[in-house]
Amino acid sequence: MNERRIREIYQRSLEMNRDTFADGEYDIAHRVLLVALQCAQRLKDVEYLTEVTRLAEKESRFIDDHHPEYTYSSKAAIERGGVGLFQAAAQKARTIIILTTKNGKARGHYA
């Protein structure tokens, strides 16, 4: 698959994430956010990876503030000895950023 197509999938995934999150479909929103993360990783695009990190953290805070009872909120996950879904996605994105920049293969949107 070419780079242009992966960037298109990335953008569409973020749009779907916003739409499904706004509709309260948090599981679906999480899954399409992971698609965006996979695209950013394939592109080795630190700006995209950073965008996914910020969005995952923002969505995690929203769920924790407004729906702490949600199965995958940070509170519920901690009670089970885990991490909330969106926090896990943010952690994964941060790890990918570190690995990408450490290997010297990082790129930006317009590379």
N, C-alpha and C. Protein backbone atom coordinates (compact mmCIF):
# COMPACT_ATOMS: atom_id res chain seq x y z
N MET A 1 0.86 -1.17 0.00
CA MET A 1 0.00 0.00 0.00
C MET A 1 0.91 1.23 0.00
N ASN A 2 0.53 2.23 -0.78
CA ASN A 2 1.40 3.41 -0.85
C ASN A 2 1.13 4.38 0.29
N GLU A 3 2.09 5.28 0.48
CA GLU A 3 2.05 6.21 1.60
C GLU A 3 0.81 7.11 1.56
N ARG A 4 0.43 7.56 0.38
CA ARG A 4 -0.74 8.43 0.26
C ARG A 4 -2.00 7.72 0.78
N ARG A 5 -2.14 6.47 0.45
CA ARG A 5 -3.30 5.69 0.86
C ARG A 5 -3.31 5.49 2.39
N ILE A 6 -2.14 5.24 2.96
CA ILE A 6 -2.05 5.06 4.41
C ILE A 6 -2.42 6.36 5.12
N ARG A 7 -1.97 7.50 4.58
CA ARG A 7 -2.33 8.80 5.18
C ARG A 7 -3.84 9.04 5.09
N GLU A 8 -4.44 8.62 4.00
CA GLU A 8 -5.89 8.75 3.84
C GLU A 8 -6.63 7.90 4.88
N ILE A 9 -6.18 6.69 5.07
CA ILE A 9 -6.79 5.80 6.07
C ILE A 9 -6.62 6.40 7.46
N TYR A 10 -5.45 6.98 7.73
CA TYR A 10 -5.20 7.64 9.01
C TYR A 10 -6.25 8.73 9.25
N GLN A 11 -6.42 9.61 8.28
CA GLN A 11 -7.38 10.72 8.43
C GLN A 11 -8.80 10.21 8.61
N ARG A 12 -9.18 9.23 7.83
CA ARG A 12 -10.54 8.68 7.93
C ARG A 12 -10.76 8.00 9.27
N SER A 13 -9.73 7.35 9.78
CA SER A 13 -9.82 6.70 11.09
C SER A 13 -10.04 7.72 12.19
N LEU A 14 -9.33 8.85 12.11
CA LEU A 14 -9.54 9.90 13.12
C LEU A 14 -10.95 10.48 13.03
N GLU A 15 -11.46 10.64 11.83
CA GLU A 15 -12.84 11.13 11.67
C GLU A 15 -13.82 10.14 12.27
N MET A 16 -13.63 8.86 11.99
CA MET A 16 -14.52 7.84 12.55
C MET A 16 -14.40 7.79 14.06
N ASN A 17 -13.19 7.98 14.58
CA ASN A 17 -12.99 8.02 16.02
C ASN A 17 -13.81 9.15 16.63
N ARG A 18 -13.69 10.34 16.06
CA ARG A 18 -14.43 11.49 16.61
C ARG A 18 -15.94 11.23 16.58
N ASP A 19 -16.42 10.72 15.46
CA ASP A 19 -17.86 10.47 15.31
C ASP A 19 -18.36 9.42 16.30
N THR A 20 -17.66 8.31 16.39
CA THR A 20 -18.13 7.24 17.27
C THR A 20 -17.96 7.63 18.74
N PHE A 21 -16.91 8.36 19.06
CA PHE A 21 -16.73 8.81 20.44
C PHE A 21 -17.86 9.76 20.83
N ALA A 22 -18.18 10.69 19.93
CA ALA A 22 -19.26 11.65 20.19
C ALA A 22 -20.60 10.94 20.39
N ASP A 23 -20.76 9.79 19.73
CA ASP A 23 -22.00 9.01 19.87
C ASP A 23 -21.97 8.08 21.09
N GLY A 24 -20.89 8.13 21.87
CA GLY A 24 -20.79 7.29 23.05
C GLY A 24 -20.41 5.85 22.77
N GLU A 25 -19.96 5.59 21.56
CA GLU A 25 -19.52 4.24 21.17
C GLU A 25 -18.03 4.12 21.43
N TYR A 26 -17.67 4.07 22.71
CA TYR A 26 -16.27 4.15 23.11
C TYR A 26 -15.43 2.97 22.65
N ASP A 27 -15.99 1.77 22.64
CA ASP A 27 -15.25 0.61 22.17
C ASP A 27 -14.87 0.76 20.70
N ILE A 28 -15.84 1.18 19.90
CA ILE A 28 -15.59 1.38 18.47
C ILE A 28 -14.60 2.52 18.27
N ALA A 29 -14.77 3.60 19.02
CA ALA A 29 -13.86 4.74 18.92
C ALA A 29 -12.43 4.31 19.22
N HIS A 30 -12.28 3.47 20.23
CA HIS A 30 -10.94 2.96 20.59
C HIS A 30 -10.35 2.15 19.44
N ARG A 31 -11.15 1.28 18.84
CA ARG A 31 -10.64 0.42 17.76
C ARG A 31 -10.18 1.24 16.56
N VAL A 32 -10.95 2.25 16.17
CA VAL A 32 -10.53 3.04 15.01
C VAL A 32 -9.36 3.95 15.36
N LEU A 33 -9.23 4.31 16.63
CA LEU A 33 -8.04 5.06 17.05
C LEU A 33 -6.80 4.18 16.90
N LEU A 34 -6.93 2.90 17.18
CA LEU A 34 -5.82 1.97 16.99
C LEU A 34 -5.46 1.81 15.52
N VAL A 35 -6.45 1.91 14.64
CA VAL A 35 -6.17 1.89 13.20
C VAL A 35 -5.32 3.12 12.83
N ALA A 36 -5.70 4.28 13.34
CA ALA A 36 -4.92 5.50 13.09
C ALA A 36 -3.50 5.34 13.64
N LEU A 37 -3.38 4.73 14.81
CA LEU A 37 -2.07 4.51 15.41
C LEU A 37 -1.23 3.59 14.53
N GLN A 38 -1.82 2.55 14.00
CA GLN A 38 -1.10 1.63 13.12
C GLN A 38 -0.61 2.35 11.86
N CYS A 39 -1.46 3.21 11.32
CA CYS A 39 -1.06 3.98 10.13
C CYS A 39 0.12 4.91 10.46
N ALA A 40 0.03 5.59 11.59
CA ALA A 40 1.10 6.50 12.00
C ALA A 40 2.40 5.73 12.21
N GLN A 41 2.29 4.54 12.77
CA GLN A 41 3.48 3.72 12.98
C GLN A 41 4.07 3.29 11.64
N ARG A 42 3.24 2.84 10.72
CA ARG A 42 3.73 2.43 9.39
C ARG A 42 4.42 3.57 8.67
N LEU A 43 3.89 4.78 8.85
CA LEU A 43 4.47 5.96 8.21
C LEU A 43 5.70 6.48 8.95
N LYS A 44 5.90 6.01 10.18
CA LYS A 44 6.97 6.52 11.05
C LYS A 44 6.85 8.03 11.23
N ASP A 45 5.60 8.48 11.37
CA ASP A 45 5.29 9.91 11.43
C ASP A 45 5.07 10.31 12.89
N VAL A 46 6.05 10.99 13.45
CA VAL A 46 6.01 11.37 14.85
C VAL A 46 4.88 12.37 15.12
N GLU A 47 4.59 13.23 14.18
CA GLU A 47 3.49 14.18 14.36
C GLU A 47 2.16 13.44 14.45
N TYR A 48 1.96 12.47 13.61
CA TYR A 48 0.74 11.67 13.67
C TYR A 48 0.69 10.87 14.98
N LEU A 49 1.81 10.28 15.35
CA LEU A 49 1.87 9.52 16.60
C LEU A 49 1.55 10.41 17.80
N THR A 50 2.06 11.62 17.78
CA THR A 50 1.79 12.58 18.85
C THR A 50 0.32 12.96 18.87
N GLU A 51 -0.26 13.13 17.69
CA GLU A 51 -1.69 13.45 17.60
C GLU A 51 -2.54 12.33 18.19
N VAL A 52 -2.20 11.10 17.89
CA VAL A 52 -2.93 9.95 18.44
C VAL A 52 -2.77 9.91 19.96
N THR A 53 -1.56 10.17 20.44
CA THR A 53 -1.32 10.19 21.90
C THR A 53 -2.21 11.22 22.57
N ARG A 54 -2.22 12.43 22.05
CA ARG A 54 -3.04 13.50 22.65
C ARG A 54 -4.52 13.16 22.63
N LEU A 55 -4.97 12.62 21.50
CA LEU A 55 -6.39 12.27 21.39
C LEU A 55 -6.76 11.16 22.36
N ALA A 56 -5.92 10.15 22.47
CA ALA A 56 -6.19 9.05 23.40
C ALA A 56 -6.25 9.56 24.84
N GLU A 57 -5.33 10.44 25.19
CA GLU A 57 -5.32 11.00 26.54
C GLU A 57 -6.55 11.87 26.79
N LYS A 58 -6.93 12.65 25.81
CA LYS A 58 -8.12 13.51 25.93
C LYS A 58 -9.38 12.65 26.11
N GLU A 59 -9.51 11.62 25.30
CA GLU A 59 -10.69 10.76 25.38
C GLU A 59 -10.70 9.98 26.71
N SER A 60 -9.54 9.58 27.16
CA SER A 60 -9.44 8.91 28.46
C SER A 60 -9.92 9.83 29.58
N ARG A 61 -9.46 11.08 29.56
CA ARG A 61 -9.88 12.04 30.60
C ARG A 61 -11.39 12.26 30.56
N PHE A 62 -11.94 12.35 29.36
CA PHE A 62 -13.39 12.56 29.23
C PHE A 62 -14.14 11.39 29.87
N ILE A 63 -13.75 10.19 29.53
CA ILE A 63 -14.42 9.01 30.09
C ILE A 63 -14.25 8.98 31.61
N ASP A 64 -13.05 9.24 32.08
CA ASP A 64 -12.81 9.22 33.53
C ASP A 64 -13.63 10.28 34.25
N ASP A 65 -13.79 11.45 33.64
CA ASP A 65 -14.54 12.55 34.25
C ASP A 65 -16.05 12.36 34.17
N HIS A 66 -16.52 11.82 33.05
CA HIS A 66 -17.97 11.77 32.80
C HIS A 66 -18.58 10.37 32.91
N HIS A 67 -17.77 9.34 32.76
CA HIS A 67 -18.29 7.96 32.80
C HIS A 67 -17.32 7.04 33.54
N PRO A 68 -17.00 7.36 34.80
CA PRO A 68 -16.03 6.52 35.52
C PRO A 68 -16.53 5.09 35.71
N GLU A 69 -17.83 4.89 35.56
CA GLU A 69 -18.39 3.54 35.70
C GLU A 69 -18.16 2.69 34.45
N TYR A 70 -17.77 3.31 33.35
CA TYR A 70 -17.54 2.60 32.09
C TYR A 70 -16.48 1.52 32.30
N THR A 71 -16.72 0.36 31.77
CA THR A 71 -15.85 -0.81 31.96
C THR A 71 -14.38 -0.52 31.71
N TYR A 72 -14.10 0.31 30.72
CA TYR A 72 -12.71 0.55 30.35
C TYR A 72 -12.19 1.92 30.80
N SER A 73 -12.87 2.53 31.76
CA SER A 73 -12.34 3.78 32.32
C SER A 73 -11.07 3.45 33.10
N SER A 74 -10.27 4.46 33.37
CA SER A 74 -9.05 4.23 34.16
C SER A 74 -9.39 3.69 35.54
N LYS A 75 -10.45 4.24 36.16
CA LYS A 75 -10.84 3.81 37.50
C LYS A 75 -11.21 2.32 37.51
N ALA A 76 -12.06 1.93 36.58
CA ALA A 76 -12.48 0.53 36.52
C ALA A 76 -11.31 -0.39 36.20
N ALA A 77 -10.45 0.06 35.30
CA ALA A 77 -9.30 -0.76 34.92
C ALA A 77 -8.33 -0.93 36.09
N ILE A 78 -8.10 0.15 36.82
CA ILE A 78 -7.19 0.10 37.98
C ILE A 78 -7.73 -0.87 39.03
N GLU A 79 -9.05 -0.86 39.22
CA GLU A 79 -9.66 -1.78 40.18
C GLU A 79 -9.42 -3.24 39.78
N ARG A 80 -9.26 -3.47 38.48
CA ARG A 80 -8.97 -4.82 37.98
C ARG A 80 -7.47 -5.06 37.85
N GLY A 81 -6.67 -4.06 38.20
CA GLY A 81 -5.22 -4.20 38.11
C GLY A 81 -4.66 -3.88 36.73
N GLY A 82 -5.42 -3.14 35.92
CA GLY A 82 -4.97 -2.82 34.56
C GLY A 82 -4.92 -1.33 34.31
N VAL A 83 -4.98 -1.00 33.03
CA VAL A 83 -4.94 0.38 32.56
C VAL A 83 -6.15 0.57 31.64
N GLY A 84 -6.74 1.76 31.68
CA GLY A 84 -7.87 2.05 30.80
C GLY A 84 -7.50 1.90 29.33
N LEU A 85 -8.49 1.58 28.52
CA LEU A 85 -8.24 1.36 27.09
C LEU A 85 -7.53 2.53 26.42
N PHE A 86 -8.02 3.72 26.64
CA PHE A 86 -7.45 4.88 25.95
C PHE A 86 -6.09 5.24 26.52
N GLN A 87 -5.87 4.99 27.81
CA GLN A 87 -4.54 5.20 28.38
C GLN A 87 -3.55 4.19 27.81
N ALA A 88 -4.01 2.97 27.60
CA ALA A 88 -3.15 1.95 27.01
C ALA A 88 -2.75 2.36 25.58
N ALA A 89 -3.70 2.92 24.84
CA ALA A 89 -3.40 3.37 23.47
C ALA A 89 -2.38 4.52 23.51
N ALA A 90 -2.54 5.43 24.46
CA ALA A 90 -1.60 6.54 24.59
C ALA A 90 -0.21 6.02 24.96
N GLN A 91 -0.14 5.06 25.86
CA GLN A 91 1.15 4.47 26.24
C GLN A 91 1.82 3.80 25.05
N LYS A 92 1.01 3.08 24.28
CA LYS A 92 1.55 2.41 23.09
C LYS A 92 2.10 3.44 22.11
N ALA A 93 1.37 4.51 21.89
CA ALA A 93 1.82 5.55 20.95
C ALA A 93 3.12 6.19 21.45
N ARG A 94 3.20 6.47 22.75
CA ARG A 94 4.44 7.06 23.29
C ARG A 94 5.62 6.11 23.12
N THR A 95 5.40 4.83 23.31
CA THR A 95 6.47 3.84 23.13
C THR A 95 6.92 3.80 21.67
N ILE A 96 5.97 3.85 20.76
CA ILE A 96 6.32 3.84 19.33
C ILE A 96 7.11 5.09 18.97
N ILE A 97 6.74 6.24 19.54
CA ILE A 97 7.49 7.48 19.29
C ILE A 97 8.94 7.30 19.74
N ILE A 98 9.12 6.76 20.93
CA ILE A 98 10.48 6.57 21.45
C ILE A 98 11.28 5.64 20.54
N LEU A 99 10.69 4.53 20.16
CA LEU A 99 11.39 3.58 19.29
C LEU A 99 11.68 4.17 17.91
N THR A 100 10.74 4.93 17.38
CA THR A 100 10.90 5.52 16.06
C THR A 100 12.00 6.57 16.06
N THR A 101 12.00 7.43 17.05
CA THR A 101 13.02 8.48 17.09
C THR A 101 14.38 7.91 17.48
N LYS A 102 14.40 6.88 18.31
CA LYS A 102 15.65 6.24 18.72
C LYS A 102 16.35 5.60 17.52
N ASN A 103 15.55 5.04 16.62
CA ASN A 103 16.12 4.37 15.44
C ASN A 103 16.46 5.35 14.32
N GLY A 104 16.15 6.64 14.54
CA GLY A 104 16.49 7.64 13.54
C GLY A 104 15.68 7.57 12.27
N LYS A 105 14.52 6.98 12.33
CA LYS A 105 13.70 6.82 11.12
C LYS A 105 12.42 7.64 11.18
N ALA A 106 12.37 8.60 12.10
CA ALA A 106 11.16 9.39 12.27
C ALA A 106 10.98 10.35 11.11
N ARG A 107 9.71 10.59 10.78
CA ARG A 107 9.36 11.53 9.73
C ARG A 107 8.20 12.36 10.21
N GLY A 108 7.91 13.41 9.46
CA GLY A 108 6.76 14.27 9.76
C GLY A 108 5.69 14.09 8.72
N HIS A 109 4.62 14.85 8.83
CA HIS A 109 3.50 14.77 7.88
C HIS A 109 3.95 14.92 6.43
N TYR A 110 4.86 15.81 6.22
CA TYR A 110 5.15 16.23 4.85
C TYR A 110 6.44 15.64 4.30
N ALA A 111 6.91 14.60 4.97
CA ALA A 111 8.15 13.96 4.53
C ALA A 111 7.95 13.27 3.19
